[in-house]
Amino acid sequence: MLAANATAAYDRTKKLTSGKMVVSGKHRLSTDVMEQVTEYVKFKVEQEEDRHQNKVKKQKVLMTKVEKAKAMEETAWTTDQYKAMVQCYKQDTDPRMAKDIAGLKVQWMQRKGRSSPTHLPNMDAKEENAPQLQQQQMMEEDLGNLGWDDEDAAEDTFAAI
């Protein structure tokens, strides 16, 4: 029972440490460790892709709200339109967004004359391939940090052991 729990906890972990290698009975790099390293790198790349996709989605929603607000007369804006416009033109040095409409109007008047902000580009066909390229580059970089130039070299090393 204790061994099963330890094995389950080991399988759930995502970070490879020397302690975990010793607990699992591994005292040198082998194909199992190589698989763990590559799975960990894939996991991290997938997390980064998810963060990027969420950021793009949020940006698209914001830009939709901004376009809707720009199409309306400023005197007819609601709290949501003011929030979208204030958030769109926000800079790093700006204070927190106000909660009430009066505060939002004041913040909008301060930001109104700013140049158009630069936002994340929409993901087009060219950028859809970027995550796979990024993943491949990160894996090659991590393997290079371990002293392996590529997976074939790593397999040759394991075969020699």
C-alpha atoms as a PDB file:
ATOM      1  CA  MET A   1       0.000   0.000   0.000  1.00  0.00           C
ATOM      2  CA  LEU A   2       2.773   2.421   0.928  1.00  0.00           C
ATOM      3  CA  ALA A   3       4.715   1.529  -2.205  1.00  0.00           C
ATOM      4  CA  ALA A   4       1.613   2.034  -4.366  1.00  0.00           C
ATOM      5  CA  ASN A   5       1.029   5.475  -2.837  1.00  0.00           C
ATOM      6  CA  ALA A   6       4.666   6.430  -3.358  1.00  0.00           C
ATOM      7  CA  THR A   7       4.546   5.263  -6.964  1.00  0.00           C
ATOM      8  CA  ALA A   8       1.315   7.190  -7.597  1.00  0.00           C
ATOM      9  CA  ALA A   9       2.794  10.341  -6.071  1.00  0.00           C
ATOM     10  CA  TYR A  10       5.924   9.881  -8.148  1.00  0.00           C
ATOM     11  CA  ASP A  11       3.875   9.515 -11.336  1.00  0.00           C
ATOM     12  CA  ARG A  12       1.911  12.700 -10.559  1.00  0.00           C
ATOM     13  CA  THR A  13       4.988  14.825 -10.114  1.00  0.00           C
ATOM     14  CA  LYS A  14       6.122  16.924 -13.030  1.00  0.00           C
ATOM     15  CA  LYS A  15       9.525  18.063 -11.840  1.00  0.00           C
ATOM     16  CA  LEU A  16      12.480  15.770 -12.107  1.00  0.00           C
ATOM     17  CA  THR A  17      14.819  15.837  -9.109  1.00  0.00           C
ATOM     18  CA  SER A  18      17.662  13.615  -7.993  1.00  0.00           C
ATOM     19  CA  GLY A  19      15.680  12.631  -4.899  1.00  0.00           C
ATOM     20  CA  LYS A  20      12.835  11.310  -7.006  1.00  0.00           C
ATOM     21  CA  MET A  21      15.302   9.398  -9.137  1.00  0.00           C
ATOM     22  CA  VAL A  22      16.808   7.733  -6.055  1.00  0.00           C
ATOM     23  CA  VAL A  23      13.372   6.931  -4.607  1.00  0.00           C
ATOM     24  CA  SER A  24      12.423   5.245  -7.872  1.00  0.00           C
ATOM     25  CA  GLY A  25      15.667   3.251  -7.838  1.00  0.00           C
ATOM     26  CA  LYS A  26      17.339   5.199 -10.635  1.00  0.00           C
ATOM     27  CA  HIS A  27      20.872   6.356 -10.012  1.00  0.00           C
ATOM     28  CA  ARG A  28      21.826   7.312 -13.562  1.00  0.00           C
ATOM     29  CA  LEU A  29      20.197   8.685 -16.675  1.00  0.00           C
ATOM     30  CA  SER A  30      18.323   6.118 -18.694  1.00  0.00           C
ATOM     31  CA  THR A  31      15.564   5.992 -21.280  1.00  0.00           C
ATOM     32  CA  ASP A  32      12.950   6.270 -18.516  1.00  0.00           C
ATOM     33  CA  VAL A  33      14.483   9.515 -17.291  1.00  0.00           C
ATOM     34  CA  MET A  34      14.757  10.793 -20.849  1.00  0.00           C
ATOM     35  CA  GLU A  35      11.045  10.109 -21.331  1.00  0.00           C
ATOM     36  CA  GLN A  36      10.273  11.963 -18.108  1.00  0.00           C
ATOM     37  CA  VAL A  37      12.322  14.946 -19.180  1.00  0.00           C
ATOM     38  CA  THR A  38      10.663  15.131 -22.581  1.00  0.00           C
ATOM     39  CA  GLU A  39       7.188  14.751 -21.046  1.00  0.00           C
ATOM     40  CA  TYR A  40       7.973  17.528 -18.579  1.00  0.00           C
ATOM     41  CA  VAL A  41       9.124  19.818 -21.385  1.00  0.00           C
ATOM     42  CA  LYS A  42       5.998  19.015 -23.416  1.00  0.00           C
ATOM     43  CA  PHE A  43       3.836  19.757 -20.386  1.00  0.00           C
ATOM     44  CA  LYS A  44       5.501  23.135 -19.861  1.00  0.00           C
ATOM     45  CA  VAL A  45       5.162  24.029 -23.546  1.00  0.00           C
ATOM     46  CA  GLU A  46       1.474  23.107 -23.485  1.00  0.00           C
ATOM     47  CA  GLN A  47       0.985  25.302 -20.427  1.00  0.00           C
ATOM     48  CA  GLU A  48       2.651  28.208 -22.203  1.00  0.00           C
ATOM     49  CA  GLU A  49       0.494  27.647 -25.298  1.00  0.00           C
ATOM     50  CA  ASP A  50      -2.632  27.652 -23.131  1.00  0.00           C
ATOM     51  CA  ARG A  51      -1.571  30.916 -21.480  1.00  0.00           C
ATOM     52  CA  HIS A  52      -0.938  32.481 -24.872  1.00  0.00           C
ATOM     53  CA  GLN A  53      -4.281  31.303 -26.255  1.00  0.00           C
ATOM     54  CA  ASN A  54      -6.120  32.629 -23.187  1.00  0.00           C
ATOM     55  CA  LYS A  55      -4.370  35.964 -23.573  1.00  0.00           C
ATOM     56  CA  VAL A  56      -5.362  36.139 -27.243  1.00  0.00           C
ATOM     57  CA  LYS A  57      -8.977  35.250 -26.399  1.00  0.00           C
ATOM     58  CA  LYS A  58      -9.160  37.933 -23.704  1.00  0.00           C
ATOM     59  CA  GLN A  59      -7.642  40.446 -26.097  1.00  0.00           C
ATOM     60  CA  LYS A  60     -10.200  39.592 -28.795  1.00  0.00           C
ATOM     61  CA  VAL A  61     -13.058  40.037 -26.331  1.00  0.00           C
ATOM     62  CA  LEU A  62     -11.630  43.377 -25.199  1.00  0.00           C
ATOM     63  CA  MET A  63     -11.179  44.592 -28.758  1.00  0.00           C
ATOM     64  CA  THR A  64     -14.759  43.589 -29.595  1.00  0.00           C
ATOM     65  CA  LYS A  65     -15.994  45.641 -26.645  1.00  0.00           C
ATOM     66  CA  VAL A  66     -13.798  48.581 -27.678  1.00  0.00           C
ATOM     67  CA  GLU A  67     -15.099  48.509 -31.265  1.00  0.00           C
ATOM     68  CA  LYS A  68     -18.659  48.408 -29.950  1.00  0.00           C
ATOM     69  CA  ALA A  69     -17.960  51.392 -27.680  1.00  0.00           C
ATOM     70  CA  LYS A  70     -16.295  53.350 -30.493  1.00  0.00           C
ATOM     71  CA  ALA A  71     -19.367  52.787 -32.661  1.00  0.00           C
ATOM     72  CA  MET A  72     -21.570  54.340 -29.975  1.00  0.00           C
ATOM     73  CA  GLU A  73     -21.880  57.961 -28.921  1.00  0.00           C
ATOM     74  CA  GLU A  74     -19.696  58.576 -25.859  1.00  0.00           C
ATOM     75  CA  THR A  75     -22.600  60.070 -23.921  1.00  0.00           C
ATOM     76  CA  ALA A  76     -24.480  56.759 -24.241  1.00  0.00           C
ATOM     77  CA  TRP A  77     -21.679  54.584 -22.855  1.00  0.00           C
ATOM     78  CA  THR A  78     -22.434  52.326 -19.918  1.00  0.00           C
ATOM     79  CA  THR A  79     -20.036  51.214 -17.213  1.00  0.00           C
ATOM     80  CA  ASP A  80     -18.967  48.256 -19.379  1.00  0.00           C
ATOM     81  CA  GLN A  81     -18.004  50.499 -22.309  1.00  0.00           C
ATOM     82  CA  TYR A  82     -16.010  52.807 -20.024  1.00  0.00           C
ATOM     83  CA  LYS A  83     -14.263  49.816 -18.460  1.00  0.00           C
ATOM     84  CA  ALA A  84     -13.329  48.449 -21.882  1.00  0.00           C
ATOM     85  CA  MET A  85     -11.966  51.781 -23.095  1.00  0.00           C
ATOM     86  CA  VAL A  86     -10.043  52.483 -19.875  1.00  0.00           C
ATOM     87  CA  GLN A  87      -8.577  48.971 -19.905  1.00  0.00           C
ATOM     88  CA  CYS A  88      -7.673  49.215 -23.592  1.00  0.00           C
ATOM     89  CA  TYR A  89      -5.687  52.428 -23.153  1.00  0.00           C
ATOM     90  CA  LYS A  90      -4.117  51.426 -19.818  1.00  0.00           C
ATOM     91  CA  GLN A  91      -0.371  51.777 -19.370  1.00  0.00           C
ATOM     92  CA  ASP A  92       1.867  50.183 -16.740  1.00  0.00           C
ATOM     93  CA  THR A  93       2.132  53.368 -14.691  1.00  0.00           C
ATOM     94  CA  ASP A  94      -1.638  53.965 -14.513  1.00  0.00           C
ATOM     95  CA  PRO A  95      -3.493  53.439 -11.229  1.00  0.00           C
ATOM     96  CA  ARG A  96      -6.050  50.677 -10.739  1.00  0.00           C
ATOM     97  CA  MET A  97      -9.294  50.866 -12.630  1.00  0.00           C
ATOM     98  CA  ALA A  98     -12.055  52.728 -10.822  1.00  0.00           C
ATOM     99  CA  LYS A  99     -15.133  50.805  -9.676  1.00  0.00           C
ATOM    100  CA  ASP A 100     -17.854  53.371 -10.257  1.00  0.00           C
ATOM    101  CA  ILE A 101     -18.878  55.122 -13.455  1.00  0.00           C
ATOM    102  CA  ALA A 102     -17.802  58.561 -12.193  1.00  0.00           C
ATOM    103  CA  GLY A 103     -14.266  57.308 -11.545  1.00  0.00           C
ATOM    104  CA  LEU A 104     -14.219  55.522 -14.907  1.00  0.00           C
ATOM    105  CA  LYS A 105     -15.231  58.731 -16.672  1.00  0.00           C
ATOM    106  CA  VAL A 106     -12.384  60.608 -14.963  1.00  0.00           C
ATOM    107  CA  GLN A 107      -9.892  57.899 -15.950  1.00  0.00           C
ATOM    108  CA  TRP A 108     -11.204  57.886 -19.512  1.00  0.00           C
ATOM    109  CA  MET A 109     -10.732  61.645 -19.779  1.00  0.00           C
ATOM    110  CA  GLN A 110      -7.101  61.197 -18.693  1.00  0.00           C
ATOM    111  CA  ARG A 111      -6.454  58.424 -21.208  1.00  0.00           C
ATOM    112  CA  LYS A 112      -8.600  59.690 -24.052  1.00  0.00           C
ATOM    113  CA  GLY A 113      -5.857  61.503 -25.961  1.00  0.00           C
ATOM    114  CA  ARG A 114      -3.363  58.647 -25.939  1.00  0.00           C
ATOM    115  CA  SER A 115      -2.236  56.989 -29.122  1.00  0.00           C
ATOM    116  CA  SER A 116      -3.866  53.715 -30.078  1.00  0.00           C
ATOM    117  CA  PRO A 117      -2.489  50.844 -28.027  1.00  0.00           C
ATOM    118  CA  THR A 118      -0.651  47.948 -29.603  1.00  0.00           C
ATOM    119  CA  HIS A 119      -2.241  44.629 -28.815  1.00  0.00           C
ATOM    120  CA  LEU A 120      -1.573  41.002 -29.516  1.00  0.00           C
ATOM    121  CA  PRO A 121      -2.062  40.128 -33.164  1.00  0.00           C
ATOM    122  CA  ASN A 122      -4.797  37.733 -34.114  1.00  0.00           C
ATOM    123  CA  MET A 123      -3.619  34.187 -34.565  1.00  0.00           C
ATOM    124  CA  ASP A 124      -3.504  33.531 -38.280  1.00  0.00           C
ATOM    125  CA  ALA A 125      -2.316  30.492 -40.189  1.00  0.00           C
ATOM    126  CA  LYS A 126       1.309  31.578 -39.896  1.00  0.00           C
ATOM    127  CA  GLU A 127       1.129  31.830 -36.101  1.00  0.00           C
ATOM    128  CA  GLU A 128      -0.734  28.537 -35.677  1.00  0.00           C
ATOM    129  CA  ASN A 129       2.499  26.689 -36.437  1.00  0.00           C
ATOM    130  CA  ALA A 130       4.477  28.824 -33.988  1.00  0.00           C
ATOM    131  CA  PRO A 131       3.623  26.730 -30.886  1.00  0.00           C
ATOM    132  CA  GLN A 132       4.927  23.522 -32.508  1.00  0.00           C
ATOM    133  CA  LEU A 133       8.130  25.259 -33.560  1.00  0.00           C
ATOM    134  CA  GLN A 134       8.488  26.778 -30.114  1.00  0.00           C
ATOM    135  CA  GLN A 135       7.916  23.372 -28.499  1.00  0.00           C
ATOM    136  CA  GLN A 136      10.551  21.760 -30.703  1.00  0.00           C
ATOM    137  CA  GLN A 137      13.038  24.539 -29.965  1.00  0.00           C
ATOM    138  CA  MET A 138      12.430  24.307 -26.200  1.00  0.00           C
ATOM    139  CA  MET A 139      12.893  20.534 -26.234  1.00  0.00           C
ATOM    140  CA  GLU A 140      16.118  20.832 -28.219  1.00  0.00           C
ATOM    141  CA  GLU A 141      17.346  23.544 -25.862  1.00  0.00           C
ATOM    142  CA  ASP A 142      16.536  21.489 -22.770  1.00  0.00           C
ATOM    143  CA  LEU A 143      18.168  18.402 -24.230  1.00  0.00           C
ATOM    144  CA  GLY A 144      21.196  20.507 -25.129  1.00  0.00           C
ATOM    145  CA  ASN A 145      21.344  21.695 -21.520  1.00  0.00           C
ATOM    146  CA  LEU A 146      21.502  18.069 -20.443  1.00  0.00           C
ATOM    147  CA  GLY A 147      24.457  17.521 -22.738  1.00  0.00           C
ATOM    148  CA  TRP A 148      22.499  15.909 -25.551  1.00  0.00           C
ATOM    149  CA  ASP A 149      22.383  17.513 -28.961  1.00  0.00           C
ATOM    150  CA  ASP A 150      19.325  15.619 -30.092  1.00  0.00           C
ATOM    151  CA  GLU A 151      17.221  12.579 -29.245  1.00  0.00           C
ATOM    152  CA  ASP A 152      19.249  10.287 -31.507  1.00  0.00           C
ATOM    153  CA  ALA A 153      22.411  11.137 -29.596  1.00  0.00           C
ATOM    154  CA  ALA A 154      20.571  10.481 -26.351  1.00  0.00           C
ATOM    155  CA  GLU A 155      19.349   7.092 -27.609  1.00  0.00           C
ATOM    156  CA  ASP A 156      22.886   6.222 -28.695  1.00  0.00           C
ATOM    157  CA  THR A 157      24.087   7.116 -25.213  1.00  0.00           C
ATOM    158  CA  PHE A 158      21.428   4.921 -23.629  1.00  0.00           C
ATOM    159  CA  ALA A 159      22.203   2.045 -25.966  1.00  0.00           C
ATOM    160  CA  ALA A 160      25.869   2.214 -24.938  1.00  0.00           C
ATOM    161  CA  ILE A 161      24.919   1.917 -21.264  1.00  0.00           C
END
